[in-house]
Amino acid sequence: MYLYKKIKMTEFITIATFNFTHEIMVLKSILDHEGILYLFQNENLITVDPLASFAYGGILLKVHPNDIEKVKEILDNLNSNLKIV
């Protein structure tokens, strides 16, 4: 069980956009393992209607400003191996 201090989700910043839910599965696992708080905005909507991705601007990865550098490093490592971003 994780104990997090209260963090306002309004402080989170979008750092990546994905078109489909299958593109974020590995990333979610890594972020969870690293203990990074994140939000994938529009994930449920696009899971139900994948074509809505284009209308709503995709699935937005939002993280706290304190975690931006670490998440960018994770994305760079994934992108060099999996070409997901």
N, C-alpha and C. Protein backbone atom coordinates (compact mmCIF):
# COMPACT_ATOMS: atom_id res chain seq x y z
N MET A 1 0.84 -1.17 0.00
CA MET A 1 0.00 0.00 0.00
C MET A 1 0.89 1.24 0.00
N TYR A 2 0.57 2.16 -0.88
CA TYR A 2 1.33 3.39 -1.00
C TYR A 2 0.66 4.48 -0.18
N LEU A 3 1.46 5.27 0.50
CA LEU A 3 0.95 6.42 1.22
C LEU A 3 1.50 7.67 0.53
N TYR A 4 0.61 8.42 -0.05
CA TYR A 4 1.02 9.62 -0.77
C TYR A 4 0.52 10.84 -0.03
N LYS A 5 1.33 11.89 -0.07
CA LYS A 5 0.84 13.15 0.46
C LYS A 5 -0.16 13.71 -0.55
N LYS A 6 -0.98 14.63 -0.08
CA LYS A 6 -1.98 15.21 -0.96
C LYS A 6 -1.31 16.05 -2.04
N ILE A 7 -1.60 15.71 -3.26
CA ILE A 7 -1.07 16.45 -4.40
C ILE A 7 -2.25 16.83 -5.27
N LYS A 8 -2.30 18.08 -5.65
CA LYS A 8 -3.39 18.55 -6.51
C LYS A 8 -3.13 18.10 -7.94
N MET A 9 -4.13 17.45 -8.53
CA MET A 9 -3.99 16.99 -9.91
C MET A 9 -3.89 18.17 -10.88
N THR A 10 -4.33 19.35 -10.45
CA THR A 10 -4.24 20.52 -11.32
C THR A 10 -2.79 20.94 -11.51
N GLU A 11 -1.89 20.47 -10.64
CA GLU A 11 -0.47 20.79 -10.78
C GLU A 11 0.22 19.93 -11.83
N PHE A 12 -0.42 18.85 -12.24
CA PHE A 12 0.20 17.92 -13.18
C PHE A 12 0.31 18.53 -14.56
N ILE A 13 1.37 18.18 -15.28
CA ILE A 13 1.67 18.75 -16.59
C ILE A 13 1.68 17.64 -17.62
N THR A 14 1.11 17.90 -18.79
CA THR A 14 1.12 16.93 -19.89
C THR A 14 2.50 16.88 -20.51
N ILE A 15 3.08 15.68 -20.59
CA ILE A 15 4.42 15.56 -21.19
C ILE A 15 4.45 14.62 -22.39
N ALA A 16 3.36 13.89 -22.64
CA ALA A 16 3.33 13.00 -23.81
C ALA A 16 1.87 12.74 -24.19
N THR A 17 1.67 12.41 -25.46
CA THR A 17 0.34 12.09 -25.97
C THR A 17 0.41 10.78 -26.74
N PHE A 18 -0.60 9.93 -26.54
CA PHE A 18 -0.67 8.64 -27.21
C PHE A 18 -2.01 8.53 -27.91
N ASN A 19 -2.07 7.75 -28.99
CA ASN A 19 -3.31 7.63 -29.74
C ASN A 19 -4.21 6.50 -29.25
N PHE A 20 -3.63 5.40 -28.77
CA PHE A 20 -4.43 4.24 -28.40
C PHE A 20 -3.97 3.66 -27.06
N THR A 21 -4.87 2.99 -26.37
CA THR A 21 -4.58 2.47 -25.03
C THR A 21 -3.48 1.41 -25.02
N HIS A 22 -3.34 0.64 -26.07
CA HIS A 22 -2.31 -0.39 -26.07
C HIS A 22 -0.90 0.22 -26.03
N GLU A 23 -0.77 1.48 -26.41
CA GLU A 23 0.53 2.13 -26.41
C GLU A 23 1.02 2.50 -25.00
N ILE A 24 0.12 2.49 -24.02
CA ILE A 24 0.51 2.94 -22.69
C ILE A 24 0.66 1.81 -21.67
N MET A 25 0.39 0.59 -22.05
CA MET A 25 0.40 -0.52 -21.10
C MET A 25 1.77 -0.73 -20.43
N VAL A 26 2.82 -0.80 -21.20
CA VAL A 26 4.16 -1.00 -20.65
C VAL A 26 4.56 0.21 -19.81
N LEU A 27 4.26 1.39 -20.29
CA LEU A 27 4.61 2.61 -19.58
C LEU A 27 3.93 2.68 -18.21
N LYS A 28 2.66 2.31 -18.14
CA LYS A 28 1.95 2.31 -16.87
C LYS A 28 2.64 1.40 -15.85
N SER A 29 3.05 0.24 -16.31
CA SER A 29 3.72 -0.71 -15.43
C SER A 29 5.03 -0.13 -14.89
N ILE A 30 5.80 0.51 -15.75
CA ILE A 30 7.08 1.10 -15.34
C ILE A 30 6.85 2.25 -14.36
N LEU A 31 5.89 3.11 -14.64
CA LEU A 31 5.60 4.23 -13.75
C LEU A 31 5.14 3.75 -12.38
N ASP A 32 4.32 2.72 -12.37
CA ASP A 32 3.88 2.14 -11.10
C ASP A 32 5.07 1.57 -10.33
N HIS A 33 5.92 0.85 -11.02
CA HIS A 33 7.10 0.25 -10.39
C HIS A 33 8.03 1.31 -9.81
N GLU A 34 8.17 2.43 -10.50
CA GLU A 34 9.04 3.52 -10.05
C GLU A 34 8.38 4.38 -8.97
N GLY A 35 7.10 4.16 -8.71
CA GLY A 35 6.40 4.94 -7.69
C GLY A 35 6.08 6.36 -8.12
N ILE A 36 5.96 6.57 -9.41
CA ILE A 36 5.67 7.90 -9.95
C ILE A 36 4.15 8.07 -10.07
N LEU A 37 3.64 9.16 -9.53
CA LEU A 37 2.22 9.47 -9.68
C LEU A 37 1.98 10.01 -11.08
N TYR A 38 0.93 9.52 -11.71
CA TYR A 38 0.63 9.93 -13.09
C TYR A 38 -0.87 9.87 -13.32
N LEU A 39 -1.28 10.45 -14.42
CA LEU A 39 -2.66 10.42 -14.86
C LEU A 39 -2.65 10.30 -16.37
N PHE A 40 -3.43 9.35 -16.88
CA PHE A 40 -3.63 9.27 -18.32
C PHE A 40 -5.03 9.82 -18.60
N GLN A 41 -5.07 11.10 -18.98
CA GLN A 41 -6.35 11.75 -19.27
C GLN A 41 -6.93 11.20 -20.56
N ASN A 42 -8.21 10.95 -20.58
CA ASN A 42 -8.98 10.43 -21.73
C ASN A 42 -8.79 8.93 -21.93
N GLU A 43 -8.10 8.24 -21.04
CA GLU A 43 -7.84 6.81 -21.23
C GLU A 43 -9.14 6.00 -21.31
N ASN A 44 -10.05 6.19 -20.37
CA ASN A 44 -11.29 5.41 -20.37
C ASN A 44 -12.15 5.72 -21.59
N LEU A 45 -12.24 6.97 -21.94
CA LEU A 45 -13.03 7.38 -23.10
C LEU A 45 -12.51 6.70 -24.37
N ILE A 46 -11.21 6.69 -24.54
CA ILE A 46 -10.62 6.13 -25.75
C ILE A 46 -10.62 4.60 -25.72
N THR A 47 -10.62 4.01 -24.53
CA THR A 47 -10.77 2.55 -24.43
C THR A 47 -12.13 2.14 -24.97
N VAL A 48 -13.16 2.90 -24.65
CA VAL A 48 -14.52 2.59 -25.10
C VAL A 48 -14.69 2.90 -26.58
N ASP A 49 -14.14 4.01 -27.03
CA ASP A 49 -14.28 4.43 -28.43
C ASP A 49 -12.93 4.88 -28.97
N PRO A 50 -12.15 3.95 -29.54
CA PRO A 50 -10.79 4.28 -30.00
C PRO A 50 -10.73 5.42 -31.01
N LEU A 51 -11.75 5.58 -31.83
CA LEU A 51 -11.73 6.66 -32.82
C LEU A 51 -11.90 8.03 -32.18
N ALA A 52 -12.37 8.06 -30.94
CA ALA A 52 -12.50 9.33 -30.21
C ALA A 52 -11.13 9.92 -29.90
N SER A 53 -10.09 9.12 -30.00
CA SER A 53 -8.74 9.58 -29.72
C SER A 53 -8.39 10.81 -30.55
N PHE A 54 -8.77 10.80 -31.78
CA PHE A 54 -8.44 11.92 -32.67
C PHE A 54 -9.28 13.15 -32.36
N ALA A 55 -10.51 12.94 -31.92
CA ALA A 55 -11.39 14.07 -31.58
C ALA A 55 -10.97 14.75 -30.28
N TYR A 56 -10.45 13.96 -29.33
CA TYR A 56 -10.11 14.51 -28.01
C TYR A 56 -8.63 14.79 -27.84
N GLY A 57 -7.86 14.59 -28.86
CA GLY A 57 -6.43 14.90 -28.78
C GLY A 57 -5.59 13.79 -28.18
N GLY A 58 -6.12 12.58 -28.13
CA GLY A 58 -5.35 11.43 -27.66
C GLY A 58 -5.40 11.25 -26.16
N ILE A 59 -4.58 10.32 -25.69
CA ILE A 59 -4.43 10.04 -24.27
C ILE A 59 -3.25 10.86 -23.77
N LEU A 60 -3.51 11.72 -22.82
CA LEU A 60 -2.49 12.65 -22.33
C LEU A 60 -1.84 12.09 -21.07
N LEU A 61 -0.53 11.94 -21.08
CA LEU A 61 0.21 11.54 -19.89
C LEU A 61 0.53 12.79 -19.10
N LYS A 62 0.01 12.85 -17.88
CA LYS A 62 0.25 14.00 -17.00
C LYS A 62 1.00 13.51 -15.77
N VAL A 63 2.05 14.26 -15.40
CA VAL A 63 2.84 13.94 -14.22
C VAL A 63 3.10 15.22 -13.43
N HIS A 64 3.51 15.04 -12.19
CA HIS A 64 3.84 16.17 -11.34
C HIS A 64 5.15 16.79 -11.85
N PRO A 65 5.28 18.11 -11.76
CA PRO A 65 6.51 18.76 -12.25
C PRO A 65 7.80 18.21 -11.63
N ASN A 66 7.75 17.69 -10.42
CA ASN A 66 8.94 17.13 -9.78
C ASN A 66 9.42 15.85 -10.47
N ASP A 67 8.54 15.19 -11.21
CA ASP A 67 8.87 13.90 -11.83
C ASP A 67 9.13 14.00 -13.33
N ILE A 68 9.08 15.20 -13.88
CA ILE A 68 9.19 15.35 -15.34
C ILE A 68 10.48 14.77 -15.89
N GLU A 69 11.60 15.10 -15.31
CA GLU A 69 12.90 14.63 -15.84
C GLU A 69 12.98 13.10 -15.80
N LYS A 70 12.54 12.50 -14.71
CA LYS A 70 12.60 11.04 -14.59
C LYS A 70 11.69 10.37 -15.62
N VAL A 71 10.49 10.92 -15.82
CA VAL A 71 9.56 10.35 -16.78
C VAL A 71 10.07 10.54 -18.21
N LYS A 72 10.67 11.68 -18.50
CA LYS A 72 11.25 11.89 -19.83
C LYS A 72 12.36 10.87 -20.10
N GLU A 73 13.15 10.56 -19.09
CA GLU A 73 14.19 9.55 -19.25
C GLU A 73 13.58 8.18 -19.53
N ILE A 74 12.52 7.85 -18.82
CA ILE A 74 11.82 6.57 -19.05
C ILE A 74 11.25 6.53 -20.47
N LEU A 75 10.64 7.63 -20.90
CA LEU A 75 10.08 7.68 -22.26
C LEU A 75 11.17 7.55 -23.32
N ASP A 76 12.30 8.20 -23.10
CA ASP A 76 13.41 8.11 -24.04
C ASP A 76 13.91 6.67 -24.15
N ASN A 77 14.04 5.99 -23.00
CA ASN A 77 14.48 4.59 -23.02
C ASN A 77 13.48 3.70 -23.72
N LEU A 78 12.20 3.92 -23.47
CA LEU A 78 11.17 3.12 -24.15
C LEU A 78 11.14 3.41 -25.63
N ASN A 79 11.25 4.67 -25.98
CA ASN A 79 11.18 5.06 -27.38
C ASN A 79 12.35 4.48 -28.18
N SER A 80 13.51 4.41 -27.58
CA SER A 80 14.66 3.86 -28.30
C SER A 80 14.51 2.35 -28.51
N ASN A 81 13.76 1.69 -27.62
CA ASN A 81 13.58 0.25 -27.74
C ASN A 81 12.28 -0.17 -28.40
N LEU A 82 11.20 0.56 -28.11
CA LEU A 82 9.86 0.14 -28.56
C LEU A 82 9.22 1.07 -29.59
N LYS A 83 9.74 2.27 -29.73
CA LYS A 83 9.19 3.27 -30.65
C LYS A 83 7.71 3.56 -30.34
N ILE A 84 7.40 3.89 -29.06
CA ILE A 84 6.02 4.13 -28.69
C ILE A 84 5.62 5.60 -28.69
N VAL A 85 6.58 6.50 -28.62
CA VAL A 85 6.22 7.92 -28.57
C VAL A 85 6.66 8.59 -29.84
